[in-house]
């Protein structure tokens, strides 16, 4: 279903469209928020709150950008409110276990430790781009900043990660050829 049509149907209180919204966006939104909050229960609550807000404010979606970026932007703002109310919990070591972000458990641990040292804005930009596959323009919508700021955040995040990982002897292995 096209973004504008889905948003219009949701604004008209179409239950099927709301189910489609949850089916399409809950898992990626949860994954992104889990990486930011570092806690599965909080991420689940935030993902649900975000999608409820999307349903409530679907009439405001104007189609100028992808619906996905608009939804993630709402999620990112929900995360910001959550962050101001709570203390951070340590980033779980198994966060990327089912994602092909790191080639080994040792690399995953090092990568998670390095990601944990980034500022929340830099970490979010990095995760949105490299894990969620969002474009610079989509991330700009999510973070409500100009594209240049996103590029800067990605550059700083990559530079900081590179330095942190070089200090820790991060190993990149060849994928097995089976």
C-alpha atoms as a PDB file:
ATOM      1  CA  UNK A   1       0.000   0.000   0.000  1.00  0.00           C
ATOM      2  CA  UNK A   2       1.322   3.467  -0.885  1.00  0.00           C
ATOM      3  CA  UNK A   3       2.440   5.666   2.023  1.00  0.00           C
ATOM      4  CA  UNK A   4      -0.203   8.374   1.565  1.00  0.00           C
ATOM      5  CA  UNK A   5      -2.975   5.825   1.065  1.00  0.00           C
ATOM      6  CA  UNK A   6      -1.943   3.922   4.187  1.00  0.00           C
ATOM      7  CA  UNK A   7      -1.787   7.107   6.264  1.00  0.00           C
ATOM      8  CA  UNK A   8      -5.173   8.251   4.908  1.00  0.00           C
ATOM      9  CA  UNK A   9      -6.758   4.888   5.714  1.00  0.00           C
ATOM     10  CA  UNK A  10      -5.291   4.973   9.220  1.00  0.00           C
ATOM     11  CA  UNK A  11      -6.589   8.538   9.686  1.00  0.00           C
ATOM     12  CA  UNK A  12     -10.043   7.224   8.708  1.00  0.00           C
ATOM     13  CA  UNK A  13      -9.796   4.660  11.554  1.00  0.00           C
ATOM     14  CA  UNK A  14      -9.435   1.701   9.178  1.00  0.00           C
ATOM     15  CA  UNK A  15      -8.559  -1.250  11.427  1.00  0.00           C
ATOM     16  CA  UNK A  16      -7.019  -3.250   8.585  1.00  0.00           C
ATOM     17  CA  UNK A  17      -4.703  -0.337   7.760  1.00  0.00           C
ATOM     18  CA  UNK A  18      -3.721  -0.088  11.422  1.00  0.00           C
ATOM     19  CA  UNK A  19      -2.866  -3.796  11.407  1.00  0.00           C
ATOM     20  CA  UNK A  20      -0.817  -3.309   8.238  1.00  0.00           C
ATOM     21  CA  UNK A  21       1.007  -0.448   9.965  1.00  0.00           C
ATOM     22  CA  UNK A  22       1.904  -2.679  12.921  1.00  0.00           C
ATOM     23  CA  UNK A  23       2.934  -5.568  10.659  1.00  0.00           C
ATOM     24  CA  UNK A  24       5.181  -3.372   8.517  1.00  0.00           C
ATOM     25  CA  UNK A  25       6.766  -1.149  11.128  1.00  0.00           C
ATOM     26  CA  UNK A  26       6.671  -2.696  14.594  1.00  0.00           C
ATOM     27  CA  UNK A  27       9.683  -5.010  14.201  1.00  0.00           C
ATOM     28  CA  UNK A  28      12.110  -2.514  12.604  1.00  0.00           C
ATOM     29  CA  UNK A  29      10.956   0.224  14.978  1.00  0.00           C
ATOM     30  CA  UNK A  30      11.359  -2.096  17.966  1.00  0.00           C
ATOM     31  CA  UNK A  31      14.837  -3.141  16.798  1.00  0.00           C
ATOM     32  CA  UNK A  32      15.919   0.494  16.428  1.00  0.00           C
ATOM     33  CA  UNK A  33      14.481   1.507  19.810  1.00  0.00           C
ATOM     34  CA  UNK A  34      15.981  -1.582  21.461  1.00  0.00           C
ATOM     35  CA  UNK A  35      19.388  -0.483  20.260  1.00  0.00           C
ATOM     36  CA  UNK A  36      18.821   2.993  21.655  1.00  0.00           C
ATOM     37  CA  UNK A  37      17.163   2.114  24.979  1.00  0.00           C
ATOM     38  CA  UNK A  38      19.256  -0.992  25.615  1.00  0.00           C
ATOM     39  CA  UNK A  39      16.241  -2.699  27.160  1.00  0.00           C
ATOM     40  CA  UNK A  40      13.665  -4.879  25.411  1.00  0.00           C
ATOM     41  CA  UNK A  41      10.670  -3.986  27.593  1.00  0.00           C
ATOM     42  CA  UNK A  42      11.257  -0.256  27.212  1.00  0.00           C
ATOM     43  CA  UNK A  43      11.787  -0.645  23.466  1.00  0.00           C
ATOM     44  CA  UNK A  44       8.548  -2.596  23.136  1.00  0.00           C
ATOM     45  CA  UNK A  45       6.649   0.055  25.105  1.00  0.00           C
ATOM     46  CA  UNK A  46       8.180   2.842  23.023  1.00  0.00           C
ATOM     47  CA  UNK A  47       7.439   1.062  19.741  1.00  0.00           C
ATOM     48  CA  UNK A  48       3.814   0.599  20.780  1.00  0.00           C
ATOM     49  CA  UNK A  49       3.543   4.223  21.966  1.00  0.00           C
ATOM     50  CA  UNK A  50       5.067   5.372  18.698  1.00  0.00           C
ATOM     51  CA  UNK A  51       2.640   3.441  16.532  1.00  0.00           C
ATOM     52  CA  UNK A  52      -0.282   4.624  18.645  1.00  0.00           C
ATOM     53  CA  UNK A  53       0.903   8.199  18.066  1.00  0.00           C
ATOM     54  CA  UNK A  54       1.216   7.451  14.356  1.00  0.00           C
ATOM     55  CA  UNK A  55      -2.396   6.278  14.321  1.00  0.00           C
ATOM     56  CA  UNK A  56      -3.505   9.305  16.311  1.00  0.00           C
ATOM     57  CA  UNK A  57      -1.665  11.780  14.074  1.00  0.00           C
ATOM     58  CA  UNK A  58      -1.827   9.970  10.711  1.00  0.00           C
ATOM     59  CA  UNK A  59      -3.823  12.891   9.317  1.00  0.00           C
ATOM     60  CA  UNK A  60      -0.675  15.037   9.674  1.00  0.00           C
ATOM     61  CA  UNK A  61       1.452  12.895   7.355  1.00  0.00           C
ATOM     62  CA  UNK A  62       1.892  14.980   4.196  1.00  0.00           C
ATOM     63  CA  UNK A  63       3.843  12.575   2.002  1.00  0.00           C
ATOM     64  CA  UNK A  64       6.858  14.876   1.576  1.00  0.00           C
ATOM     65  CA  UNK A  65       9.098  12.072   2.760  1.00  0.00           C
ATOM     66  CA  UNK A  66       8.765   8.317   3.207  1.00  0.00           C
ATOM     67  CA  UNK A  67       6.227   7.185   5.778  1.00  0.00           C
ATOM     68  CA  UNK A  68       8.962   5.017   7.314  1.00  0.00           C
ATOM     69  CA  UNK A  69      11.109   8.073   8.063  1.00  0.00           C
ATOM     70  CA  UNK A  70       8.112   9.940   9.511  1.00  0.00           C
ATOM     71  CA  UNK A  71       7.325   6.983  11.789  1.00  0.00           C
ATOM     72  CA  UNK A  72      10.943   6.574  12.897  1.00  0.00           C
ATOM     73  CA  UNK A  73      11.031  10.326  13.588  1.00  0.00           C
ATOM     74  CA  UNK A  74       8.099   9.958  15.955  1.00  0.00           C
ATOM     75  CA  UNK A  75       9.854   6.974  17.545  1.00  0.00           C
ATOM     76  CA  UNK A  76      13.067   8.940  17.932  1.00  0.00           C
ATOM     77  CA  UNK A  77      11.202  11.769  19.667  1.00  0.00           C
ATOM     78  CA  UNK A  78       9.473   9.234  21.945  1.00  0.00           C
ATOM     79  CA  UNK A  79      12.917   7.870  22.760  1.00  0.00           C
ATOM     80  CA  UNK A  80      14.114  11.407  23.571  1.00  0.00           C
ATOM     81  CA  UNK A  81      11.270  11.864  26.044  1.00  0.00           C
ATOM     82  CA  UNK A  82      11.991   8.438  27.543  1.00  0.00           C
ATOM     83  CA  UNK A  83      15.703   9.224  27.817  1.00  0.00           C
ATOM     84  CA  UNK A  84      15.038  12.408  29.738  1.00  0.00           C
ATOM     85  CA  UNK A  85      12.942  10.420  32.239  1.00  0.00           C
ATOM     86  CA  UNK A  86      15.171   7.372  32.761  1.00  0.00           C
ATOM     87  CA  UNK A  87      18.709   6.333  33.471  1.00  0.00           C
ATOM     88  CA  UNK A  88      20.583   4.411  30.792  1.00  0.00           C
ATOM     89  CA  UNK A  89      20.978   0.689  31.193  1.00  0.00           C
ATOM     90  CA  UNK A  90      24.050  -1.112  29.808  1.00  0.00           C
ATOM     91  CA  UNK A  91      23.804  -2.095  26.135  1.00  0.00           C
ATOM     92  CA  UNK A  92      23.074  -5.833  26.021  1.00  0.00           C
ATOM     93  CA  UNK A  93      25.881  -7.953  24.625  1.00  0.00           C
ATOM     94  CA  UNK A  94      23.525 -10.076  22.499  1.00  0.00           C
ATOM     95  CA  UNK A  95      21.959  -7.125  20.707  1.00  0.00           C
ATOM     96  CA  UNK A  96      23.308  -7.911  17.261  1.00  0.00           C
ATOM     97  CA  UNK A  97      23.489 -11.681  17.731  1.00  0.00           C
ATOM     98  CA  UNK A  98      20.860 -12.342  15.045  1.00  0.00           C
ATOM     99  CA  UNK A  99      22.034  -9.561  12.756  1.00  0.00           C
ATOM    100  CA  UNK A 100      25.006  -9.774  10.424  1.00  0.00           C
ATOM    101  CA  UNK A 101      26.635  -6.666  11.882  1.00  0.00           C
ATOM    102  CA  UNK A 102      29.667  -8.400  13.346  1.00  0.00           C
ATOM    103  CA  UNK A 103      31.365 -11.594  12.189  1.00  0.00           C
ATOM    104  CA  UNK A 104      32.075 -13.067  15.602  1.00  0.00           C
ATOM    105  CA  UNK A 105      31.032 -12.859  19.225  1.00  0.00           C
ATOM    106  CA  UNK A 106      34.291 -11.110  20.114  1.00  0.00           C
ATOM    107  CA  UNK A 107      33.742  -8.524  17.388  1.00  0.00           C
ATOM    108  CA  UNK A 108      30.120  -8.063  18.440  1.00  0.00           C
ATOM    109  CA  UNK A 109      31.177  -7.363  22.006  1.00  0.00           C
ATOM    110  CA  UNK A 110      33.801  -4.862  20.890  1.00  0.00           C
ATOM    111  CA  UNK A 111      31.384  -3.195  18.500  1.00  0.00           C
ATOM    112  CA  UNK A 112      28.685  -2.897  21.163  1.00  0.00           C
ATOM    113  CA  UNK A 113      31.168  -1.449  23.631  1.00  0.00           C
ATOM    114  CA  UNK A 114      32.299   1.078  21.015  1.00  0.00           C
ATOM    115  CA  UNK A 115      28.710   1.992  20.059  1.00  0.00           C
ATOM    116  CA  UNK A 116      27.967   2.517  23.724  1.00  0.00           C
ATOM    117  CA  UNK A 117      30.655   5.236  23.826  1.00  0.00           C
ATOM    118  CA  UNK A 118      29.011   7.307  21.068  1.00  0.00           C
ATOM    119  CA  UNK A 119      26.610  10.122  21.918  1.00  0.00           C
ATOM    120  CA  UNK A 120      22.930   9.169  21.519  1.00  0.00           C
ATOM    121  CA  UNK A 121      22.582  11.306  18.362  1.00  0.00           C
ATOM    122  CA  UNK A 122      25.679   9.788  16.739  1.00  0.00           C
ATOM    123  CA  UNK A 123      24.686   6.250  17.759  1.00  0.00           C
ATOM    124  CA  UNK A 124      21.151   6.746  16.393  1.00  0.00           C
ATOM    125  CA  UNK A 125      22.425   8.093  13.063  1.00  0.00           C
ATOM    126  CA  UNK A 126      24.856   5.179  12.749  1.00  0.00           C
ATOM    127  CA  UNK A 127      22.216   2.563  13.611  1.00  0.00           C
ATOM    128  CA  UNK A 128      19.595   4.079  11.320  1.00  0.00           C
ATOM    129  CA  UNK A 129      22.021   4.123   8.410  1.00  0.00           C
ATOM    130  CA  UNK A 130      23.991   0.919   8.880  1.00  0.00           C
ATOM    131  CA  UNK A 131      21.450  -1.338  10.582  1.00  0.00           C
ATOM    132  CA  UNK A 132      18.088  -0.002   9.360  1.00  0.00           C
ATOM    133  CA  UNK A 133      19.414   0.961   5.922  1.00  0.00           C
ATOM    134  CA  UNK A 134      17.980   4.468   5.911  1.00  0.00           C
ATOM    135  CA  UNK A 135      19.256   7.153   3.577  1.00  0.00           C
ATOM    136  CA  UNK A 136      20.770  10.437   4.757  1.00  0.00           C
ATOM    137  CA  UNK A 137      17.538  12.247   3.886  1.00  0.00           C
ATOM    138  CA  UNK A 138      15.412   9.736   5.803  1.00  0.00           C
ATOM    139  CA  UNK A 139      17.649  10.053   8.866  1.00  0.00           C
ATOM    140  CA  UNK A 140      17.383  13.838   8.609  1.00  0.00           C
ATOM    141  CA  UNK A 141      13.598  13.484   8.873  1.00  0.00           C
ATOM    142  CA  UNK A 142      13.901  11.059  11.797  1.00  0.00           C
ATOM    143  CA  UNK A 143      16.321  13.260  13.741  1.00  0.00           C
ATOM    144  CA  UNK A 144      14.716  16.523  12.581  1.00  0.00           C
ATOM    145  CA  UNK A 145      18.040  17.982  11.456  1.00  0.00           C
ATOM    146  CA  UNK A 146      19.493  19.037   8.091  1.00  0.00           C
ATOM    147  CA  UNK A 147      21.095  16.374   5.865  1.00  0.00           C
ATOM    148  CA  UNK A 148      24.488  17.961   6.461  1.00  0.00           C
ATOM    149  CA  UNK A 149      24.119  17.360  10.188  1.00  0.00           C
ATOM    150  CA  UNK A 150      23.352  13.699   9.528  1.00  0.00           C
ATOM    151  CA  UNK A 151      26.435  13.414   7.312  1.00  0.00           C
ATOM    152  CA  UNK A 152      28.500  15.012  10.052  1.00  0.00           C
ATOM    153  CA  UNK A 153      27.063  12.686  12.702  1.00  0.00           C
ATOM    154  CA  UNK A 154      27.795   9.650  10.534  1.00  0.00           C
ATOM    155  CA  UNK A 155      31.327  10.847   9.867  1.00  0.00           C
ATOM    156  CA  UNK A 156      31.992  11.454  13.561  1.00  0.00           C
ATOM    157  CA  UNK A 157      30.397   8.125  14.518  1.00  0.00           C
ATOM    158  CA  UNK A 158      32.490   6.206  11.977  1.00  0.00           C
ATOM    159  CA  UNK A 159      35.677   8.022  12.947  1.00  0.00           C
ATOM    160  CA  UNK A 160      35.090   7.426  16.637  1.00  0.00           C
ATOM    161  CA  UNK A 161      34.168   3.790  16.073  1.00  0.00           C
ATOM    162  CA  UNK A 162      37.223   3.256  13.895  1.00  0.00           C
ATOM    163  CA  UNK A 163      39.498   4.704  16.572  1.00  0.00           C
ATOM    164  CA  UNK A 164      37.846   2.758  19.363  1.00  0.00           C
ATOM    165  CA  UNK A 165      37.901  -0.497  17.422  1.00  0.00           C
ATOM    166  CA  UNK A 166      41.519  -0.075  16.329  1.00  0.00           C
ATOM    167  CA  UNK A 167      42.489   0.289  19.985  1.00  0.00           C
ATOM    168  CA  UNK A 168      40.709  -2.978  20.755  1.00  0.00           C
ATOM    169  CA  UNK A 169      42.079  -4.996  17.812  1.00  0.00           C
ATOM    170  CA  UNK A 170      38.714  -5.458  16.108  1.00  0.00           C
ATOM    171  CA  UNK A 171      38.971  -8.366  13.672  1.00  0.00           C
ATOM    172  CA  UNK A 172      37.119  -8.558  10.390  1.00  0.00           C
ATOM    173  CA  UNK A 173      36.929 -12.120   9.183  1.00  0.00           C
ATOM    174  CA  UNK A 174      36.010 -13.479   5.794  1.00  0.00           C
ATOM    175  CA  UNK A 175      32.540 -14.993   5.655  1.00  0.00           C
ATOM    176  CA  UNK A 176      32.540 -18.761   5.371  1.00  0.00           C
ATOM    177  CA  UNK A 177      32.031 -20.038   1.848  1.00  0.00           C
ATOM    178  CA  UNK A 178      29.734 -23.018   2.280  1.00  0.00           C
END
